[in-house]
Amino acid sequence: MPPWLLIPGAILLGYVIWRVGMATLRSLAGPAPGTLDTEKPPSVAEDVEDLEVYLVCGECGTEFKVSRLGELQIPRHCGEKMLVERRPGTV
């Protein structure tokens, strides 16, 4: 085969292999965070003072009382995600 045909053929083959590899890696990565959410988070924080909602650390027992709820992002404490606990309200 003539060399003037081998060089462009090698470049084309390298490009095709690169495109297939990148497409495979993108498909394995999964969708971007938040693209599968069907409902939008509330834009205004709502008052949940009377619902008795707490974030509790499973390791050390630290508790945070939630008084206003917006876009819920569960914090980490002691390296673990905190648990959401709802307790009966006081009468």
PDB file of N, CA and C in Angstrom:
ATOM      1  N   MET A   1       0.839  -1.173   0.000  1.00  0.00           N
ATOM      2  CA  MET A   1       0.000   0.000   0.000  1.00  0.00           C
ATOM      3  C   MET A   1       0.894   1.250   0.000  1.00  0.00           C
ATOM      4  N   PRO A   2       0.516   2.263  -0.744  1.00  0.00           N
ATOM      5  CA  PRO A   2       1.359   3.466  -0.818  1.00  0.00           C
ATOM      6  C   PRO A   2       1.336   4.243   0.507  1.00  0.00           C
ATOM      7  N   PRO A   3       2.470   4.857   0.863  1.00  0.00           N
ATOM      8  CA  PRO A   3       2.558   5.595   2.131  1.00  0.00           C
ATOM      9  C   PRO A   3       1.627   6.794   2.189  1.00  0.00           C
ATOM     10  N   TRP A   4       1.308   7.422   1.071  1.00  0.00           N
ATOM     11  CA  TRP A   4       0.406   8.576   1.097  1.00  0.00           C
ATOM     12  C   TRP A   4      -1.011   8.176   1.496  1.00  0.00           C
ATOM     13  N   LEU A   5      -1.329   6.880   1.408  1.00  0.00           N
ATOM     14  CA  LEU A   5      -2.644   6.392   1.814  1.00  0.00           C
ATOM     15  C   LEU A   5      -2.621   5.851   3.251  1.00  0.00           C
ATOM     16  N   LEU A   6      -1.472   5.375   3.694  1.00  0.00           N
ATOM     17  CA  LEU A   6      -1.354   4.811   5.039  1.00  0.00           C
ATOM     18  C   LEU A   6      -1.460   5.882   6.132  1.00  0.00           C
ATOM     19  N   ILE A   7      -0.828   7.019   5.927  1.00  0.00           N
ATOM     20  CA  ILE A   7      -0.808   8.069   6.959  1.00  0.00           C
ATOM     21  C   ILE A   7      -2.206   8.643   7.203  1.00  0.00           C
ATOM     22  N   PRO A   8      -2.956   9.063   6.173  1.00  0.00           N
ATOM     23  CA  PRO A   8      -4.320   9.546   6.444  1.00  0.00           C
ATOM     24  C   PRO A   8      -5.231   8.441   6.996  1.00  0.00           C
ATOM     25  N   GLY A   9      -5.021   7.214   6.548  1.00  0.00           N
ATOM     26  CA  GLY A   9      -5.818   6.102   7.064  1.00  0.00           C
ATOM     27  C   GLY A   9      -5.553   5.861   8.543  1.00  0.00           C
ATOM     28  N   ALA A  10      -4.292   5.978   8.962  1.00  0.00           N
ATOM     29  CA  ALA A  10      -3.939   5.807  10.373  1.00  0.00           C
ATOM     30  C   ALA A  10      -4.526   6.933  11.223  1.00  0.00           C
ATOM     31  N   ILE A  11      -4.492   8.150  10.708  1.00  0.00           N
ATOM     32  CA  ILE A  11      -5.067   9.291  11.431  1.00  0.00           C
ATOM     33  C   ILE A  11      -6.578   9.113  11.569  1.00  0.00           C
ATOM     34  N   LEU A  12      -7.242   8.706  10.496  1.00  0.00           N
ATOM     35  CA  LEU A  12      -8.690   8.479  10.531  1.00  0.00           C
ATOM     36  C   LEU A  12      -9.049   7.354  11.506  1.00  0.00           C
ATOM     37  N   LEU A  13      -8.300   6.266  11.473  1.00  0.00           N
ATOM     38  CA  LEU A  13      -8.548   5.152  12.390  1.00  0.00           C
ATOM     39  C   LEU A  13      -8.330   5.581  13.848  1.00  0.00           C
ATOM     40  N   GLY A  14      -7.301   6.382  14.113  1.00  0.00           N
ATOM     41  CA  GLY A  14      -7.058   6.882  15.465  1.00  0.00           C
ATOM     42  C   GLY A  14      -8.194   7.765  15.954  1.00  0.00           C
ATOM     43  N   TYR A  15      -8.715   8.608  15.065  1.00  0.00           N
ATOM     44  CA  TYR A  15      -9.835   9.485  15.415  1.00  0.00           C
ATOM     45  C   TYR A  15     -11.088   8.669  15.730  1.00  0.00           C
ATOM     46  N   VAL A  16     -11.377   7.657  14.937  1.00  0.00           N
ATOM     47  CA  VAL A  16     -12.550   6.806  15.174  1.00  0.00           C
ATOM     48  C   VAL A  16     -12.409   6.071  16.504  1.00  0.00           C
ATOM     49  N   ILE A  17     -11.252   5.532  16.794  1.00  0.00           N
ATOM     50  CA  ILE A  17     -11.022   4.841  18.074  1.00  0.00           C
ATOM     51  C   ILE A  17     -11.185   5.807  19.235  1.00  0.00           C
ATOM     52  N   TRP A  18     -10.672   7.027  19.110  1.00  0.00           N
ATOM     53  CA  TRP A  18     -10.808   8.034  20.168  1.00  0.00           C
ATOM     54  C   TRP A  18     -12.271   8.384  20.397  1.00  0.00           C
ATOM     55  N   ARG A  19     -13.060   8.597  19.322  1.00  0.00           N
ATOM     56  CA  ARG A  19     -14.476   8.941  19.462  1.00  0.00           C
ATOM     57  C   ARG A  19     -15.271   7.815  20.119  1.00  0.00           C
ATOM     58  N   VAL A  20     -15.012   6.586  19.732  1.00  0.00           N
ATOM     59  CA  VAL A  20     -15.716   5.443  20.336  1.00  0.00           C
ATOM     60  C   VAL A  20     -15.343   5.321  21.812  1.00  0.00           C
ATOM     61  N   GLY A  21     -14.089   5.508  22.139  1.00  0.00           N
ATOM     62  CA  GLY A  21     -13.654   5.435  23.543  1.00  0.00           C
ATOM     63  C   GLY A  21     -14.285   6.520  24.395  1.00  0.00           C
ATOM     64  N   MET A  22     -14.338   7.747  23.892  1.00  0.00           N
ATOM     65  CA  MET A  22     -14.953   8.840  24.652  1.00  0.00           C
ATOM     66  C   MET A  22     -16.449   8.616  24.825  1.00  0.00           C
ATOM     67  N   ALA A  23     -17.130   8.124  23.798  1.00  0.00           N
ATOM     68  CA  ALA A  23     -18.564   7.844  23.908  1.00  0.00           C
ATOM     69  C   ALA A  23     -18.821   6.745  24.936  1.00  0.00           C
ATOM     70  N   THR A  24     -17.964   5.747  24.985  1.00  0.00           N
ATOM     71  CA  THR A  24     -18.106   4.667  25.962  1.00  0.00           C
ATOM     72  C   THR A  24     -17.917   5.192  27.376  1.00  0.00           C
ATOM     73  N   LEU A  25     -16.910   6.011  27.599  1.00  0.00           N
ATOM     74  CA  LEU A  25     -16.677   6.574  28.930  1.00  0.00           C
ATOM     75  C   LEU A  25     -17.823   7.475  29.367  1.00  0.00           C
ATOM     76  N   ARG A  26     -18.378   8.275  28.455  1.00  0.00           N
ATOM     77  CA  ARG A  26     -19.506   9.141  28.800  1.00  0.00           C
ATOM     78  C   ARG A  26     -20.742   8.328  29.159  1.00  0.00           C
ATOM     79  N   SER A  27     -20.956   7.227  28.468  1.00  0.00           N
ATOM     80  CA  SER A  27     -22.134   6.413  28.766  1.00  0.00           C
ATOM     81  C   SER A  27     -21.982   5.707  30.112  1.00  0.00           C
ATOM     82  N   LEU A  28     -20.782   5.379  30.508  1.00  0.00           N
ATOM     83  CA  LEU A  28     -20.553   4.737  31.799  1.00  0.00           C
ATOM     84  C   LEU A  28     -20.660   5.722  32.955  1.00  0.00           C
ATOM     85  N   ALA A  29     -20.432   6.994  32.690  1.00  0.00           N
ATOM     86  CA  ALA A  29     -20.454   8.001  33.748  1.00  0.00           C
ATOM     87  C   ALA A  29     -21.864   8.254  34.253  1.00  0.00           C
ATOM     88  N   GLY A  30     -22.885   8.013  33.458  1.00  0.00           N
ATOM     89  CA  GLY A  30     -24.263   8.227  33.886  1.00  0.00           C
ATOM     90  C   GLY A  30     -24.697   9.660  33.651  1.00  0.00           C
ATOM     91  N   PRO A  31     -25.960   9.938  33.952  1.00  0.00           N
ATOM     92  CA  PRO A  31     -26.480  11.278  33.709  1.00  0.00           C
ATOM     93  C   PRO A  31     -25.919  12.291  34.700  1.00  0.00           C
ATOM     94  N   ALA A  32     -25.965  13.542  34.322  1.00  0.00           N
ATOM     95  CA  ALA A  32     -25.506  14.609  35.201  1.00  0.00           C
ATOM     96  C   ALA A  32     -26.430  14.718  36.407  1.00  0.00           C
ATOM     97  N   PRO A  33     -25.895  15.069  37.588  1.00  0.00           N
ATOM     98  CA  PRO A  33     -26.743  15.180  38.770  1.00  0.00           C
ATOM     99  C   PRO A  33     -27.864  16.186  38.563  1.00  0.00           C
ATOM    100  N   GLY A  34     -29.069  15.786  38.939  1.00  0.00           N
ATOM    101  CA  GLY A  34     -30.210  16.671  38.850  1.00  0.00           C
ATOM    102  C   GLY A  34     -30.973  16.594  37.548  1.00  0.00           C
ATOM    103  N   THR A  35     -30.453  15.872  36.548  1.00  0.00           N
ATOM    104  CA  THR A  35     -31.154  15.820  35.267  1.00  0.00           C
ATOM    105  C   THR A  35     -32.356  14.885  35.311  1.00  0.00           C
ATOM    106  N   LEU A  36     -32.395  13.953  36.253  1.00  0.00           N
ATOM    107  CA  LEU A  36     -33.513  13.019  36.346  1.00  0.00           C
ATOM    108  C   LEU A  36     -34.588  13.488  37.325  1.00  0.00           C
ATOM    109  N   ASP A  37     -34.365  14.601  38.008  1.00  0.00           N
ATOM    110  CA  ASP A  37     -35.362  15.118  38.945  1.00  0.00           C
ATOM    111  C   ASP A  37     -36.577  15.605  38.174  1.00  0.00           C
ATOM    112  N   THR A  38     -37.772  15.168  38.621  1.00  0.00           N
ATOM    113  CA  THR A  38     -38.987  15.574  37.929  1.00  0.00           C
ATOM    114  C   THR A  38     -39.594  16.831  38.530  1.00  0.00           C
ATOM    115  N   GLU A  39     -39.412  17.050  39.808  1.00  0.00           N
ATOM    116  CA  GLU A  39     -39.977  18.244  40.426  1.00  0.00           C
ATOM    117  C   GLU A  39     -38.865  19.172  40.879  1.00  0.00           C
ATOM    118  N   LYS A  40     -39.121  20.450  40.767  1.00  0.00           N
ATOM    119  CA  LYS A  40     -38.136  21.448  41.136  1.00  0.00           C
ATOM    120  C   LYS A  40     -38.136  21.641  42.654  1.00  0.00           C
ATOM    121  N   PRO A  41     -36.979  21.928  43.253  1.00  0.00           N
ATOM    122  CA  PRO A  41     -36.950  22.195  44.686  1.00  0.00           C
ATOM    123  C   PRO A  41     -37.694  23.494  44.987  1.00  0.00           C
ATOM    124  N   PRO A  42     -38.220  23.617  46.191  1.00  0.00           N
ATOM    125  CA  PRO A  42     -38.937  24.847  46.527  1.00  0.00           C
ATOM    126  C   PRO A  42     -37.996  26.046  46.483  1.00  0.00           C
ATOM    127  N   SER A  43     -38.475  27.127  45.896  1.00  0.00           N
ATOM    128  CA  SER A  43     -37.630  28.307  45.765  1.00  0.00           C
ATOM    129  C   SER A  43     -37.587  29.113  47.054  1.00  0.00           C
ATOM    130  N   VAL A  44     -38.651  28.995  47.868  1.00  0.00           N
ATOM    131  CA  VAL A  44     -38.714  29.722  49.125  1.00  0.00           C
ATOM    132  C   VAL A  44     -38.653  28.712  50.268  1.00  0.00           C
ATOM    133  N   ALA A  45     -37.819  28.993  51.253  1.00  0.00           N
ATOM    134  CA  ALA A  45     -37.713  28.090  52.400  1.00  0.00           C
ATOM    135  C   ALA A  45     -39.005  28.132  53.200  1.00  0.00           C
ATOM    136  N   GLU A  46     -39.495  26.943  53.586  1.00  0.00           N
ATOM    137  CA  GLU A  46     -40.725  26.900  54.366  1.00  0.00           C
ATOM    138  C   GLU A  46     -40.413  26.677  55.841  1.00  0.00           C
ATOM    139  N   ASP A  47     -41.279  27.181  56.680  1.00  0.00           N
ATOM    140  CA  ASP A  47     -41.089  27.101  58.118  1.00  0.00           C
ATOM    141  C   ASP A  47     -41.574  25.742  58.612  1.00  0.00           C
ATOM    142  N   VAL A  48     -40.672  24.969  59.253  1.00  0.00           N
ATOM    143  CA  VAL A  48     -41.027  23.648  59.787  1.00  0.00           C
ATOM    144  C   VAL A  48     -40.753  23.581  61.294  1.00  0.00           C
ATOM    145  N   GLU A  49     -40.809  24.710  61.940  1.00  0.00           N
ATOM    146  CA  GLU A  49     -40.523  24.783  63.375  1.00  0.00           C
ATOM    147  C   GLU A  49     -41.432  23.856  64.179  1.00  0.00           C
ATOM    148  N   ASP A  50     -42.708  23.774  63.831  1.00  0.00           N
ATOM    149  CA  ASP A  50     -43.657  22.997  64.616  1.00  0.00           C
ATOM    150  C   ASP A  50     -43.686  21.517  64.229  1.00  0.00           C
ATOM    151  N   LEU A  51     -42.904  21.087  63.231  1.00  0.00           N
ATOM    152  CA  LEU A  51     -42.901  19.678  62.816  1.00  0.00           C
ATOM    153  C   LEU A  51     -41.898  18.830  63.589  1.00  0.00           C
ATOM    154  N   GLU A  52     -41.014  19.438  64.354  1.00  0.00           N
ATOM    155  CA  GLU A  52     -40.005  18.714  65.134  1.00  0.00           C
ATOM    156  C   GLU A  52     -39.162  17.797  64.250  1.00  0.00           C
ATOM    157  N   VAL A  53     -38.415  18.390  63.332  1.00  0.00           N
ATOM    158  CA  VAL A  53     -37.515  17.644  62.455  1.00  0.00           C
ATOM    159  C   VAL A  53     -36.092  17.867  62.936  1.00  0.00           C
ATOM    160  N   TYR A  54     -35.328  16.759  63.090  1.00  0.00           N
ATOM    161  CA  TYR A  54     -33.958  16.828  63.577  1.00  0.00           C
ATOM    162  C   TYR A  54     -33.026  16.088  62.624  1.00  0.00           C
ATOM    163  N   LEU A  55     -31.792  16.567  62.506  1.00  0.00           N
ATOM    164  CA  LEU A  55     -30.722  15.845  61.838  1.00  0.00           C
ATOM    165  C   LEU A  55     -29.839  15.266  62.934  1.00  0.00           C
ATOM    166  N   VAL A  56     -29.686  13.935  62.952  1.00  0.00           N
ATOM    167  CA  VAL A  56     -28.982  13.261  64.046  1.00  0.00           C
ATOM    168  C   VAL A  56     -27.783  12.515  63.480  1.00  0.00           C
ATOM    169  N   CYS A  57     -26.626  12.693  64.128  1.00  0.00           N
ATOM    170  CA  CYS A  57     -25.412  11.965  63.753  1.00  0.00           C
ATOM    171  C   CYS A  57     -25.485  10.564  64.355  1.00  0.00           C
ATOM    172  N   GLY A  58     -25.311   9.545  63.524  1.00  0.00           N
ATOM    173  CA  GLY A  58     -25.363   8.163  63.994  1.00  0.00           C
ATOM    174  C   GLY A  58     -24.137   7.764  64.788  1.00  0.00           C
ATOM    175  N   GLU A  59     -23.024   8.455  64.632  1.00  0.00           N
ATOM    176  CA  GLU A  59     -21.785   8.116  65.329  1.00  0.00           C
ATOM    177  C   GLU A  59     -21.748   8.663  66.756  1.00  0.00           C
ATOM    178  N   CYS A  60     -21.965   9.967  66.896  1.00  0.00           N
ATOM    179  CA  CYS A  60     -21.783  10.584  68.208  1.00  0.00           C
ATOM    180  C   CYS A  60     -23.080  11.088  68.828  1.00  0.00           C
ATOM    181  N   GLY A  61     -24.179  11.097  68.073  1.00  0.00           N
ATOM    182  CA  GLY A  61     -25.460  11.521  68.623  1.00  0.00           C
ATOM    183  C   GLY A  61     -25.729  13.012  68.567  1.00  0.00           C
ATOM    184  N   THR A  62     -24.883  13.776  67.900  1.00  0.00           N
ATOM    185  CA  THR A  62     -25.116  15.216  67.772  1.00  0.00           C
ATOM    186  C   THR A  62     -26.418  15.453  67.017  1.00  0.00           C
ATOM    187  N   GLU A  63     -27.230  16.393  67.499  1.00  0.00           N
ATOM    188  CA  GLU A  63     -28.519  16.681  66.872  1.00  0.00           C
ATOM    189  C   GLU A  63     -28.592  18.150  66.460  1.00  0.00           C
ATOM    190  N   PHE A  64     -29.182  18.379  65.297  1.00  0.00           N
ATOM    191  CA  PHE A  64     -29.484  19.725  64.835  1.00  0.00           C
ATOM    192  C   PHE A  64     -30.977  19.797  64.586  1.00  0.00           C
ATOM    193  N   LYS A  65     -31.627  20.805  65.164  1.00  0.00           N
ATOM    194  CA  LYS A  65     -33.059  20.988  64.932  1.00  0.00           C
ATOM    195  C   LYS A  65     -33.238  21.799  63.660  1.00  0.00           C
ATOM    196  N   VAL A  66     -34.085  21.320  62.765  1.00  0.00           N
ATOM    197  CA  VAL A  66     -34.361  22.000  61.509  1.00  0.00           C
ATOM    198  C   VAL A  66     -35.539  22.926  61.727  1.00  0.00           C
ATOM    199  N   SER A  67     -35.348  24.206  61.464  1.00  0.00           N
ATOM    200  CA  SER A  67     -36.434  25.158  61.662  1.00  0.00           C
ATOM    201  C   SER A  67     -36.970  25.703  60.330  1.00  0.00           C
ATOM    202  N   ARG A  68     -36.103  25.774  59.311  1.00  0.00           N
ATOM    203  CA  ARG A  68     -36.551  26.224  57.987  1.00  0.00           C
ATOM    204  C   ARG A  68     -36.014  25.237  56.969  1.00  0.00           C
ATOM    205  N   LEU A  69     -36.892  24.817  56.071  1.00  0.00           N
ATOM    206  CA  LEU A  69     -36.537  23.791  55.107  1.00  0.00           C
ATOM    207  C   LEU A  69     -36.578  24.371  53.710  1.00  0.00           C
ATOM    208  N   GLY A  70     -35.433  24.370  53.058  1.00  0.00           N
ATOM    209  CA  GLY A  70     -35.344  24.810  51.666  1.00  0.00           C
ATOM    210  C   GLY A  70     -34.943  23.611  50.845  1.00  0.00           C
ATOM    211  N   GLU A  71     -33.873  23.742  50.095  1.00  0.00           N
ATOM    212  CA  GLU A  71     -33.350  22.612  49.342  1.00  0.00           C
ATOM    213  C   GLU A  71     -32.557  21.752  50.322  1.00  0.00           C
ATOM    214  N   LEU A  72     -33.044  20.549  50.588  1.00  0.00           N
ATOM    215  CA  LEU A  72     -32.458  19.703  51.625  1.00  0.00           C
ATOM    216  C   LEU A  72     -31.136  19.120  51.160  1.00  0.00           C
ATOM    217  N   GLN A  73     -30.086  19.469  51.859  1.00  0.00           N
ATOM    218  CA  GLN A  73     -28.773  18.877  51.658  1.00  0.00           C
ATOM    219  C   GLN A  73     -28.335  18.356  53.017  1.00  0.00           C
ATOM    220  N   ILE A  74     -28.335  17.057  53.162  1.00  0.00           N
ATOM    221  CA  ILE A  74     -28.019  16.458  54.462  1.00  0.00           C
ATOM    222  C   ILE A  74     -26.528  16.621  54.733  1.00  0.00           C
ATOM    223  N   PRO A  75     -26.196  17.291  55.850  1.00  0.00           N
ATOM    224  CA  PRO A  75     -24.785  17.514  56.159  1.00  0.00           C
ATOM    225  C   PRO A  75     -24.111  16.236  56.662  1.00  0.00           C
ATOM    226  N   ARG A  76     -22.805  16.277  56.738  1.00  0.00           N
ATOM    227  CA  ARG A  76     -22.030  15.150  57.279  1.00  0.00           C
ATOM    228  C   ARG A  76     -21.454  15.574  58.631  1.00  0.00           C
ATOM    229  N   HIS A  77     -21.428  14.617  59.533  1.00  0.00           N
ATOM    230  CA  HIS A  77     -20.841  14.846  60.841  1.00  0.00           C
ATOM    231  C   HIS A  77     -20.112  13.569  61.200  1.00  0.00           C
ATOM    232  N   CYS A  78     -18.900  13.641  61.688  1.00  0.00           N
ATOM    233  CA  CYS A  78     -18.062  12.472  61.989  1.00  0.00           C
ATOM    234  C   CYS A  78     -17.817  11.632  60.733  1.00  0.00           C
ATOM    235  N   GLY A  79     -17.900  12.244  59.555  1.00  0.00           N
ATOM    236  CA  GLY A  79     -17.642  11.532  58.313  1.00  0.00           C
ATOM    237  C   GLY A  79     -18.831  10.778  57.760  1.00  0.00           C
ATOM    238  N   GLU A  80     -19.941  10.729  58.469  1.00  0.00           N
ATOM    239  CA  GLU A  80     -21.130  10.006  58.018  1.00  0.00           C
ATOM    240  C   GLU A  80     -22.259  10.990  57.774  1.00  0.00           C
ATOM    241  N   LYS A  81     -23.170  10.642  56.861  1.00  0.00           N
ATOM    242  CA  LYS A  81     -24.339  11.484  56.642  1.00  0.00           C
ATOM    243  C   LYS A  81     -25.233  11.410  57.873  1.00  0.00           C
ATOM    244  N   MET A  82     -25.846  12.534  58.186  1.00  0.00           N
ATOM    245  CA  MET A  82     -26.739  12.575  59.338  1.00  0.00           C
ATOM    246  C   MET A  82     -28.099  12.002  58.946  1.00  0.00           C
ATOM    247  N   LEU A  83     -28.800  11.442  59.925  1.00  0.00           N
ATOM    248  CA  LEU A  83     -30.110  10.845  59.702  1.00  0.00           C
ATOM    249  C   LEU A  83     -31.195  11.870  59.972  1.00  0.00           C
ATOM    250  N   VAL A  84     -32.261  11.848  59.181  1.00  0.00           N
ATOM    251  CA  VAL A  84     -33.390  12.751  59.378  1.00  0.00           C
ATOM    252  C   VAL A  84     -34.389  12.057  60.289  1.00  0.00           C
ATOM    253  N   GLU A  85     -34.724  12.696  61.409  1.00  0.00           N
ATOM    254  CA  GLU A  85     -35.676  12.142  62.368  1.00  0.00           C
ATOM    255  C   GLU A  85     -36.840  13.088  62.548  1.00  0.00           C
ATOM    256  N   ARG A  86     -38.041  12.549  62.478  1.00  0.00           N
ATOM    257  CA  ARG A  86     -39.246  13.324  62.799  1.00  0.00           C
ATOM    258  C   ARG A  86     -39.765  12.809  64.110  1.00  0.00           C
ATOM    259  N   ARG A  87     -39.991  13.715  65.015  1.00  0.00           N
ATOM    260  CA  ARG A  87     -40.501  13.346  66.342  1.00  0.00           C
ATOM    261  C   ARG A  87     -41.889  13.933  66.528  1.00  0.00           C
ATOM    262  N   PRO A  88     -42.710  13.277  67.343  1.00  0.00           N
ATOM    263  CA  PRO A  88     -44.039  13.853  67.583  1.00  0.00           C
ATOM    264  C   PRO A  88     -43.929  15.213  68.227  1.00  0.00           C
ATOM    265  N   GLY A  89     -44.751  16.138  67.771  1.00  0.00           N
ATOM    266  CA  GLY A  89     -44.746  17.491  68.314  1.00  0.00           C
ATOM    267  C   GLY A  89     -45.279  17.538  69.733  1.00  0.00           C
ATOM    268  N   THR A  90     -44.841  18.509  70.492  1.00  0.00           N
ATOM    269  CA  THR A  90     -45.320  18.678  71.864  1.00  0.00           C
ATOM    270  C   THR A  90     -46.694  19.345  71.848  1.00  0.00           C
ATOM    271  N   VAL A  91     -47.519  18.952  72.777  1.00  0.00           N
ATOM    272  CA  VAL A  91     -48.883  19.497  72.834  1.00  0.00           C
ATOM    273  C   VAL A  91     -48.940  20.719  73.683  1.00  0.00           C
TER     274      VAL A  91
END
